[in-house]
Amino acid sequence: MIDQKEWYRSRTVWGGLVALGAALGGLWGLEVSAPMQETITTTLLDMAAAIGALVAIYGRLAADKTLK
């Protein structure tokens, strides 16, 4: 792999975490269908991107030095 990205931008990582959560939920009687898992994965990925954007904007506004 030549291209790199942060772990939280990986659909595979989020999908794995959602699948793990669904499996653990199944132990307590919570059923999560495959389409619902996909929806949750997409939502979490979008939230991670939005949070990353907010942190970047905050970092720029809170910075001590100006841009050239």
N, C-alpha and C. Protein backbone atom coordinates (compact mmCIF):
# COMPACT_ATOMS: atom_id res chain seq x y z
N MET A 1 0.83 -1.18 0.00
CA MET A 1 0.00 0.00 0.00
C MET A 1 0.88 1.24 0.00
N ILE A 2 0.64 2.13 -0.92
CA ILE A 2 1.40 3.37 -0.99
C ILE A 2 0.66 4.48 -0.26
N ASP A 3 -0.62 4.61 -0.51
CA ASP A 3 -1.42 5.66 0.13
C ASP A 3 -1.68 5.30 1.58
N GLN A 4 -1.67 6.32 2.42
CA GLN A 4 -1.95 6.11 3.84
C GLN A 4 -3.07 7.05 4.27
N LYS A 5 -3.82 6.62 5.28
CA LYS A 5 -4.87 7.46 5.85
C LYS A 5 -4.97 7.14 7.32
N GLU A 6 -5.60 8.03 8.04
CA GLU A 6 -5.79 7.81 9.46
C GLU A 6 -6.73 6.62 9.68
N TRP A 7 -6.56 5.95 10.81
CA TRP A 7 -7.37 4.75 11.08
C TRP A 7 -8.85 5.08 11.11
N TYR A 8 -9.20 6.25 11.61
CA TYR A 8 -10.61 6.60 11.75
C TYR A 8 -11.28 6.95 10.42
N ARG A 9 -10.52 7.00 9.35
CA ARG A 9 -11.10 7.22 8.03
C ARG A 9 -11.29 5.91 7.26
N SER A 10 -11.01 4.82 7.91
CA SER A 10 -11.10 3.51 7.27
C SER A 10 -12.49 2.89 7.45
N ARG A 11 -13.14 2.65 6.34
CA ARG A 11 -14.45 2.00 6.37
C ARG A 11 -14.34 0.59 6.94
N THR A 12 -13.21 -0.07 6.69
CA THR A 12 -13.00 -1.42 7.19
C THR A 12 -12.91 -1.43 8.71
N VAL A 13 -12.16 -0.48 9.28
CA VAL A 13 -12.05 -0.41 10.74
C VAL A 13 -13.41 -0.16 11.36
N TRP A 14 -14.16 0.84 10.84
CA TRP A 14 -15.48 1.15 11.40
C TRP A 14 -16.44 -0.03 11.22
N GLY A 15 -16.38 -0.67 10.06
CA GLY A 15 -17.23 -1.84 9.84
C GLY A 15 -16.93 -2.95 10.82
N GLY A 16 -15.64 -3.15 11.09
CA GLY A 16 -15.24 -4.16 12.07
C GLY A 16 -15.71 -3.83 13.47
N LEU A 17 -15.60 -2.56 13.84
CA LEU A 17 -16.07 -2.14 15.16
C LEU A 17 -17.59 -2.30 15.30
N VAL A 18 -18.32 -1.94 14.24
CA VAL A 18 -19.78 -2.10 14.28
C VAL A 18 -20.15 -3.58 14.34
N ALA A 19 -19.45 -4.41 13.56
CA ALA A 19 -19.73 -5.85 13.60
C ALA A 19 -19.44 -6.42 14.98
N LEU A 20 -18.35 -5.97 15.60
CA LEU A 20 -18.03 -6.42 16.95
C LEU A 20 -19.12 -5.98 17.93
N GLY A 21 -19.55 -4.72 17.80
CA GLY A 21 -20.62 -4.23 18.66
C GLY A 21 -21.91 -5.01 18.47
N ALA A 22 -22.23 -5.33 17.22
CA ALA A 22 -23.44 -6.10 16.94
C ALA A 22 -23.34 -7.50 17.52
N ALA A 23 -22.16 -8.09 17.41
CA ALA A 23 -21.97 -9.44 17.96
C ALA A 23 -22.10 -9.42 19.48
N LEU A 24 -21.49 -8.43 20.12
CA LEU A 24 -21.60 -8.33 21.57
C LEU A 24 -23.04 -8.02 21.98
N GLY A 25 -23.71 -7.18 21.20
CA GLY A 25 -25.12 -6.89 21.47
C GLY A 25 -25.97 -8.14 21.37
N GLY A 26 -25.61 -9.01 20.44
CA GLY A 26 -26.34 -10.27 20.28
C GLY A 26 -26.28 -11.14 21.53
N LEU A 27 -25.20 -11.01 22.26
CA LEU A 27 -25.08 -11.77 23.51
C LEU A 27 -26.12 -11.33 24.53
N TRP A 28 -26.59 -10.10 24.42
CA TRP A 28 -27.59 -9.57 25.34
C TRP A 28 -28.96 -9.46 24.70
N GLY A 29 -29.15 -10.13 23.56
CA GLY A 29 -30.46 -10.18 22.93
C GLY A 29 -30.77 -9.05 21.97
N LEU A 30 -29.79 -8.21 21.64
CA LEU A 30 -29.99 -7.11 20.71
C LEU A 30 -29.69 -7.59 19.29
N GLU A 31 -30.66 -7.47 18.41
CA GLU A 31 -30.46 -7.88 17.02
C GLU A 31 -30.18 -6.67 16.15
N VAL A 32 -29.07 -6.73 15.39
CA VAL A 32 -28.70 -5.67 14.46
C VAL A 32 -28.52 -6.32 13.09
N SER A 33 -29.40 -5.95 12.15
CA SER A 33 -29.34 -6.55 10.81
C SER A 33 -28.15 -6.01 10.03
N ALA A 34 -27.78 -6.70 8.96
CA ALA A 34 -26.67 -6.27 8.11
C ALA A 34 -26.89 -4.88 7.52
N PRO A 35 -28.10 -4.57 7.01
CA PRO A 35 -28.32 -3.21 6.51
C PRO A 35 -28.17 -2.14 7.60
N MET A 36 -28.62 -2.47 8.81
CA MET A 36 -28.48 -1.52 9.92
C MET A 36 -27.01 -1.34 10.28
N GLN A 37 -26.22 -2.42 10.21
CA GLN A 37 -24.78 -2.31 10.47
C GLN A 37 -24.13 -1.38 9.46
N GLU A 38 -24.52 -1.48 8.20
CA GLU A 38 -23.99 -0.60 7.16
C GLU A 38 -24.35 0.86 7.43
N THR A 39 -25.59 1.09 7.85
CA THR A 39 -26.03 2.44 8.18
C THR A 39 -25.24 3.00 9.35
N ILE A 40 -25.04 2.20 10.37
CA ILE A 40 -24.27 2.63 11.54
C ILE A 40 -22.83 2.94 11.14
N THR A 41 -22.23 2.08 10.32
CA THR A 41 -20.86 2.30 9.86
C THR A 41 -20.73 3.61 9.11
N THR A 42 -21.65 3.86 8.18
CA THR A 42 -21.62 5.09 7.40
C THR A 42 -21.79 6.31 8.29
N THR A 43 -22.71 6.22 9.23
CA THR A 43 -22.96 7.33 10.16
C THR A 43 -21.72 7.62 11.00
N LEU A 44 -21.09 6.59 11.55
CA LEU A 44 -19.90 6.79 12.37
C LEU A 44 -18.75 7.37 11.55
N LEU A 45 -18.60 6.91 10.32
CA LEU A 45 -17.54 7.43 9.44
C LEU A 45 -17.79 8.91 9.13
N ASP A 46 -19.03 9.27 8.85
CA ASP A 46 -19.37 10.67 8.60
C ASP A 46 -19.14 11.52 9.85
N MET A 47 -19.49 10.99 11.01
CA MET A 47 -19.28 11.73 12.26
C MET A 47 -17.79 11.93 12.52
N ALA A 48 -16.98 10.92 12.25
CA ALA A 48 -15.54 11.04 12.45
C ALA A 48 -14.96 12.12 11.54
N ALA A 49 -15.42 12.17 10.29
CA ALA A 49 -14.95 13.19 9.36
C ALA A 49 -15.37 14.58 9.82
N ALA A 50 -16.60 14.72 10.30
CA ALA A 50 -17.09 16.01 10.77
C ALA A 50 -16.32 16.46 12.01
N ILE A 51 -16.07 15.56 12.92
CA ILE A 51 -15.31 15.90 14.12
C ILE A 51 -13.88 16.30 13.75
N GLY A 52 -13.28 15.59 12.80
CA GLY A 52 -11.95 15.95 12.33
C GLY A 52 -11.92 17.34 11.74
N ALA A 53 -12.94 17.70 10.98
CA ALA A 53 -13.02 19.04 10.38
C ALA A 53 -13.16 20.10 11.47
N LEU A 54 -13.99 19.84 12.47
CA LEU A 54 -14.17 20.79 13.57
C LEU A 54 -12.88 20.99 14.36
N VAL A 55 -12.16 19.91 14.60
CA VAL A 55 -10.89 20.00 15.33
C VAL A 55 -9.87 20.81 14.52
N ALA A 56 -9.84 20.60 13.21
CA ALA A 56 -8.93 21.35 12.35
C ALA A 56 -9.26 22.84 12.37
N ILE A 57 -10.53 23.17 12.28
CA ILE A 57 -10.96 24.57 12.32
C ILE A 57 -10.62 25.19 13.67
N TYR A 58 -10.92 24.49 14.74
CA TYR A 58 -10.61 24.99 16.08
C TYR A 58 -9.10 25.21 16.22
N GLY A 59 -8.31 24.26 15.75
CA GLY A 59 -6.86 24.37 15.83
C GLY A 59 -6.35 25.60 15.11
N ARG A 60 -6.93 25.90 13.95
CA ARG A 60 -6.50 27.08 13.21
C ARG A 60 -6.90 28.35 13.95
N LEU A 61 -8.10 28.39 14.49
CA LEU A 61 -8.57 29.58 15.20
C LEU A 61 -7.82 29.80 16.51
N ALA A 62 -7.41 28.73 17.16
CA ALA A 62 -6.72 28.82 18.45
C ALA A 62 -5.22 28.98 18.30
N ALA A 63 -4.70 28.89 17.08
CA ALA A 63 -3.26 28.96 16.85
C ALA A 63 -2.70 30.32 17.22
N ASP A 64 -1.47 30.32 17.69
CA ASP A 64 -0.80 31.55 18.08
C ASP A 64 -0.16 32.29 16.91
N LYS A 65 0.11 31.58 15.85
CA LYS A 65 0.81 32.19 14.71
C LYS A 65 -0.14 32.31 13.53
N THR A 66 0.11 33.33 12.71
CA THR A 66 -0.72 33.56 11.52
C THR A 66 -0.16 32.78 10.34
N LEU A 67 -0.96 32.64 9.33
CA LEU A 67 -0.54 31.98 8.09
C LEU A 67 0.02 33.02 7.14
N LYS A 68 0.94 32.61 6.30
CA LYS A 68 1.51 33.53 5.30
C LYS A 68 0.76 33.39 4.01
